Amino acid sequence: MSYSIAWALFALLLLVIGMRKRAAPARYAGLGLLGITIVKLFFHDLSQLDQLYRIGAFIVVAVIAILASFLYQRFLAAAANSNEAKSAVSTVL
């Protein structure tokens, strides 16, 4: 359970760093690690953990995944707005 939660937190950290530094490889690595964590959670943890730990792992990883999706949507919206502003400036010039 703690490995899944730690991997999900590290994936979120990679995602945030990739957004702040505008580094696509870090963002993609974060998304990939979060995907691997979810697959591990379903296939390994589902069969190995007791019921209470399983529920806890699912809830924590779900909250982290929701937070990551919210942050990524905000990042994409900000990137789209900056691209529109750049194209408007280049059109005027």
N, C-alpha and C. Protein backbone atom coordinates (compact mmCIF):
# COMPACT_ATOMS: atom_id res chain seq x y z
N MET A 1 0.83 -1.18 0.00
CA MET A 1 0.00 0.00 0.00
C MET A 1 0.87 1.24 0.00
N SER A 2 1.90 1.26 0.81
CA SER A 2 2.74 2.45 0.90
C SER A 2 3.53 2.68 -0.38
N TYR A 3 3.89 1.60 -1.10
CA TYR A 3 4.57 1.77 -2.38
C TYR A 3 3.65 2.44 -3.39
N SER A 4 2.43 2.02 -3.45
CA SER A 4 1.49 2.62 -4.39
C SER A 4 1.26 4.09 -4.08
N ILE A 5 1.11 4.42 -2.83
CA ILE A 5 0.89 5.81 -2.44
C ILE A 5 2.14 6.63 -2.72
N ALA A 6 3.33 6.09 -2.41
CA ALA A 6 4.58 6.81 -2.66
C ALA A 6 4.79 7.02 -4.16
N TRP A 7 4.51 6.00 -4.96
CA TRP A 7 4.66 6.16 -6.41
C TRP A 7 3.70 7.22 -6.93
N ALA A 8 2.47 7.24 -6.43
CA ALA A 8 1.50 8.23 -6.89
C ALA A 8 1.92 9.63 -6.49
N LEU A 9 2.45 9.80 -5.29
CA LEU A 9 2.92 11.11 -4.86
C LEU A 9 4.12 11.56 -5.68
N PHE A 10 5.04 10.63 -5.98
CA PHE A 10 6.18 10.97 -6.81
C PHE A 10 5.74 11.34 -8.23
N ALA A 11 4.74 10.64 -8.75
CA ALA A 11 4.21 10.97 -10.07
C ALA A 11 3.59 12.36 -10.07
N LEU A 12 2.88 12.70 -9.01
CA LEU A 12 2.30 14.04 -8.89
C LEU A 12 3.40 15.09 -8.82
N LEU A 13 4.46 14.79 -8.08
CA LEU A 13 5.59 15.72 -7.99
C LEU A 13 6.24 15.91 -9.35
N LEU A 14 6.45 14.84 -10.10
CA LEU A 14 7.01 14.95 -11.45
C LEU A 14 6.11 15.80 -12.34
N LEU A 15 4.83 15.61 -12.21
CA LEU A 15 3.87 16.36 -13.01
C LEU A 15 3.94 17.85 -12.69
N VAL A 16 4.00 18.18 -11.42
CA VAL A 16 4.07 19.58 -11.00
C VAL A 16 5.39 20.21 -11.46
N ILE A 17 6.50 19.50 -11.30
CA ILE A 17 7.79 20.02 -11.76
C ILE A 17 7.78 20.23 -13.26
N GLY A 18 7.23 19.27 -13.99
CA GLY A 18 7.14 19.41 -15.43
C GLY A 18 6.29 20.59 -15.86
N MET A 19 5.25 20.90 -15.10
CA MET A 19 4.41 22.05 -15.43
C MET A 19 5.13 23.35 -15.13
N ARG A 20 5.78 23.41 -14.00
CA ARG A 20 6.46 24.66 -13.61
C ARG A 20 7.63 24.98 -14.52
N LYS A 21 8.39 23.98 -14.91
CA LYS A 21 9.55 24.20 -15.77
C LYS A 21 9.23 24.04 -17.24
N ARG A 22 7.95 23.75 -17.53
CA ARG A 22 7.49 23.52 -18.90
C ARG A 22 8.35 22.48 -19.60
N ALA A 23 8.58 21.38 -18.89
CA ALA A 23 9.37 20.27 -19.41
C ALA A 23 8.44 19.11 -19.72
N ALA A 24 8.22 18.87 -21.00
CA ALA A 24 7.30 17.82 -21.42
C ALA A 24 7.74 16.42 -20.97
N PRO A 25 9.05 16.08 -21.01
CA PRO A 25 9.43 14.73 -20.57
C PRO A 25 9.09 14.45 -19.10
N ALA A 26 9.22 15.45 -18.25
CA ALA A 26 8.88 15.27 -16.84
C ALA A 26 7.38 15.07 -16.67
N ARG A 27 6.59 15.82 -17.43
CA ARG A 27 5.13 15.65 -17.36
C ARG A 27 4.72 14.27 -17.85
N TYR A 28 5.29 13.84 -18.95
CA TYR A 28 4.95 12.53 -19.49
C TYR A 28 5.41 11.41 -18.57
N ALA A 29 6.57 11.60 -17.94
CA ALA A 29 7.04 10.59 -16.98
C ALA A 29 6.10 10.52 -15.78
N GLY A 30 5.62 11.66 -15.32
CA GLY A 30 4.66 11.68 -14.22
C GLY A 30 3.35 11.00 -14.57
N LEU A 31 2.85 11.28 -15.78
CA LEU A 31 1.61 10.63 -16.22
C LEU A 31 1.80 9.13 -16.39
N GLY A 32 2.95 8.75 -16.93
CA GLY A 32 3.23 7.32 -17.11
C GLY A 32 3.35 6.60 -15.79
N LEU A 33 4.06 7.22 -14.84
CA LEU A 33 4.21 6.60 -13.52
C LEU A 33 2.87 6.51 -12.80
N LEU A 34 2.04 7.50 -12.95
CA LEU A 34 0.71 7.44 -12.34
C LEU A 34 -0.13 6.33 -12.96
N GLY A 35 0.00 6.15 -14.27
CA GLY A 35 -0.70 5.06 -14.93
C GLY A 35 -0.21 3.70 -14.47
N ILE A 36 1.11 3.55 -14.35
CA ILE A 36 1.68 2.30 -13.85
C ILE A 36 1.24 2.03 -12.42
N THR A 37 1.17 3.08 -11.63
CA THR A 37 0.73 2.93 -10.24
C THR A 37 -0.72 2.44 -10.18
N ILE A 38 -1.56 2.98 -11.04
CA ILE A 38 -2.96 2.55 -11.04
C ILE A 38 -3.08 1.09 -11.50
N VAL A 39 -2.28 0.71 -12.50
CA VAL A 39 -2.29 -0.69 -12.95
C VAL A 39 -1.80 -1.60 -11.83
N LYS A 40 -0.73 -1.20 -11.12
CA LYS A 40 -0.22 -1.98 -9.99
C LYS A 40 -1.27 -2.09 -8.90
N LEU A 41 -1.97 -0.99 -8.67
CA LEU A 41 -3.00 -0.99 -7.64
C LEU A 41 -4.10 -1.99 -7.96
N PHE A 42 -4.51 -2.04 -9.21
CA PHE A 42 -5.58 -2.96 -9.58
C PHE A 42 -5.13 -4.41 -9.61
N PHE A 43 -3.97 -4.67 -10.17
CA PHE A 43 -3.58 -6.07 -10.36
C PHE A 43 -2.84 -6.67 -9.17
N HIS A 44 -1.99 -5.92 -8.53
CA HIS A 44 -1.19 -6.49 -7.44
C HIS A 44 -1.84 -6.25 -6.08
N ASP A 45 -2.13 -5.00 -5.79
CA ASP A 45 -2.64 -4.66 -4.46
C ASP A 45 -4.03 -5.23 -4.22
N LEU A 46 -4.82 -5.33 -5.26
CA LEU A 46 -6.16 -5.87 -5.11
C LEU A 46 -6.15 -7.31 -4.62
N SER A 47 -5.13 -8.06 -5.03
CA SER A 47 -5.07 -9.46 -4.61
C SER A 47 -4.24 -9.67 -3.34
N GLN A 48 -3.40 -8.72 -2.98
CA GLN A 48 -2.47 -8.93 -1.87
C GLN A 48 -2.88 -8.26 -0.56
N LEU A 49 -3.58 -7.16 -0.62
CA LEU A 49 -3.87 -6.39 0.59
C LEU A 49 -5.15 -6.86 1.27
N ASP A 50 -5.19 -6.62 2.58
CA ASP A 50 -6.43 -6.84 3.32
C ASP A 50 -7.44 -5.77 2.92
N GLN A 51 -8.69 -5.99 3.32
CA GLN A 51 -9.76 -5.13 2.85
C GLN A 51 -9.58 -3.67 3.26
N LEU A 52 -9.23 -3.39 4.50
CA LEU A 52 -9.09 -2.01 4.96
C LEU A 52 -7.94 -1.30 4.26
N TYR A 53 -6.79 -1.97 4.10
CA TYR A 53 -5.65 -1.38 3.41
C TYR A 53 -5.96 -1.16 1.94
N ARG A 54 -6.69 -2.07 1.35
CA ARG A 54 -7.08 -1.94 -0.06
C ARG A 54 -7.94 -0.70 -0.25
N ILE A 55 -8.89 -0.51 0.63
CA ILE A 55 -9.76 0.67 0.54
C ILE A 55 -8.95 1.94 0.72
N GLY A 56 -8.06 1.94 1.69
CA GLY A 56 -7.21 3.11 1.93
C GLY A 56 -6.34 3.44 0.73
N ALA A 57 -5.73 2.43 0.13
CA ALA A 57 -4.87 2.66 -1.03
C ALA A 57 -5.68 3.19 -2.20
N PHE A 58 -6.86 2.63 -2.44
CA PHE A 58 -7.70 3.11 -3.53
C PHE A 58 -8.12 4.56 -3.32
N ILE A 59 -8.49 4.91 -2.10
CA ILE A 59 -8.93 6.28 -1.83
C ILE A 59 -7.79 7.27 -2.01
N VAL A 60 -6.63 6.97 -1.44
CA VAL A 60 -5.50 7.90 -1.53
C VAL A 60 -5.03 8.06 -2.97
N VAL A 61 -4.89 6.97 -3.69
CA VAL A 61 -4.44 7.07 -5.09
C VAL A 61 -5.50 7.76 -5.94
N ALA A 62 -6.76 7.55 -5.67
CA ALA A 62 -7.83 8.23 -6.41
C ALA A 62 -7.78 9.74 -6.17
N VAL A 63 -7.56 10.16 -4.94
CA VAL A 63 -7.47 11.59 -4.63
C VAL A 63 -6.26 12.20 -5.35
N ILE A 64 -5.14 11.50 -5.36
CA ILE A 64 -3.95 11.99 -6.05
C ILE A 64 -4.20 12.07 -7.55
N ALA A 65 -4.87 11.08 -8.12
CA ALA A 65 -5.17 11.10 -9.55
C ALA A 65 -6.13 12.24 -9.91
N ILE A 66 -7.10 12.50 -9.06
CA ILE A 66 -8.03 13.62 -9.30
C ILE A 66 -7.29 14.94 -9.21
N LEU A 67 -6.41 15.08 -8.24
CA LEU A 67 -5.62 16.30 -8.11
C LEU A 67 -4.71 16.49 -9.32
N ALA A 68 -4.09 15.41 -9.79
CA ALA A 68 -3.23 15.49 -10.97
C ALA A 68 -4.03 15.90 -12.20
N SER A 69 -5.22 15.35 -12.37
CA SER A 69 -6.03 15.70 -13.53
C SER A 69 -6.49 17.16 -13.46
N PHE A 70 -6.83 17.64 -12.27
CA PHE A 70 -7.23 19.03 -12.11
C PHE A 70 -6.07 19.96 -12.45
N LEU A 71 -4.87 19.65 -11.93
CA LEU A 71 -3.69 20.48 -12.22
C LEU A 71 -3.35 20.46 -13.70
N TYR A 72 -3.44 19.28 -14.32
CA TYR A 72 -3.10 19.18 -15.73
C TYR A 72 -4.08 19.96 -16.59
N GLN A 73 -5.35 19.94 -16.24
CA GLN A 73 -6.35 20.72 -16.99
C GLN A 73 -6.08 22.21 -16.86
N ARG A 74 -5.71 22.65 -15.68
CA ARG A 74 -5.38 24.07 -15.49
C ARG A 74 -4.14 24.44 -16.29
N PHE A 75 -3.16 23.53 -16.32
CA PHE A 75 -1.94 23.78 -17.08
C PHE A 75 -2.24 23.87 -18.57
N LEU A 76 -3.07 22.98 -19.09
CA LEU A 76 -3.41 23.01 -20.51
C LEU A 76 -4.18 24.27 -20.87
N ALA A 77 -5.07 24.71 -19.98
CA ALA A 77 -5.82 25.93 -20.24
C ALA A 77 -4.89 27.14 -20.24
N ALA A 78 -3.93 27.18 -19.32
CA ALA A 78 -2.98 28.29 -19.28
C ALA A 78 -2.08 28.27 -20.51
N ALA A 79 -1.67 27.08 -20.94
CA ALA A 79 -0.83 26.98 -22.14
C ALA A 79 -1.60 27.41 -23.38
N ALA A 80 -2.86 27.06 -23.46
CA ALA A 80 -3.68 27.46 -24.61
C ALA A 80 -3.86 28.98 -24.63
N ASN A 81 -4.06 29.58 -23.47
CA ASN A 81 -4.23 31.04 -23.40
C ASN A 81 -2.94 31.75 -23.80
N SER A 82 -1.80 31.24 -23.38
CA SER A 82 -0.54 31.88 -23.74
C SER A 82 -0.25 31.71 -25.23
N ASN A 83 -0.63 30.56 -25.81
CA ASN A 83 -0.45 30.36 -27.25
C ASN A 83 -1.35 31.30 -28.04
N GLU A 84 -2.58 31.52 -27.58
CA GLU A 84 -3.48 32.44 -28.24
C GLU A 84 -2.95 33.86 -28.17
N ALA A 85 -2.39 34.23 -27.01
CA ALA A 85 -1.84 35.58 -26.86
C ALA A 85 -0.63 35.77 -27.76
N LYS A 86 0.21 34.75 -27.89
CA LYS A 86 1.38 34.85 -28.76
C LYS A 86 0.96 34.96 -30.22
N SER A 87 -0.05 34.19 -30.62
CA SER A 87 -0.49 34.26 -32.01
C SER A 87 -1.16 35.59 -32.30
N ALA A 88 -1.85 36.15 -31.32
CA ALA A 88 -2.47 37.47 -31.52
C ALA A 88 -1.41 38.55 -31.65
N VAL A 89 -0.34 38.46 -30.88
CA VAL A 89 0.74 39.44 -30.95
C VAL A 89 1.46 39.32 -32.29
N SER A 90 1.72 38.10 -32.73
CA SER A 90 2.42 37.92 -34.00
C SER A 90 1.54 38.36 -35.18
N THR A 91 0.24 38.25 -35.06
CA THR A 91 -0.67 38.68 -36.11
C THR A 91 -0.67 40.21 -36.21
N VAL A 92 -0.61 40.87 -35.08
CA VAL A 92 -0.61 42.33 -35.05
C VAL A 92 0.69 42.86 -35.63
N LEU A 93 1.78 42.19 -35.35
CA LEU A 93 3.08 42.66 -35.85
C LEU A 93 3.18 42.32 -37.31
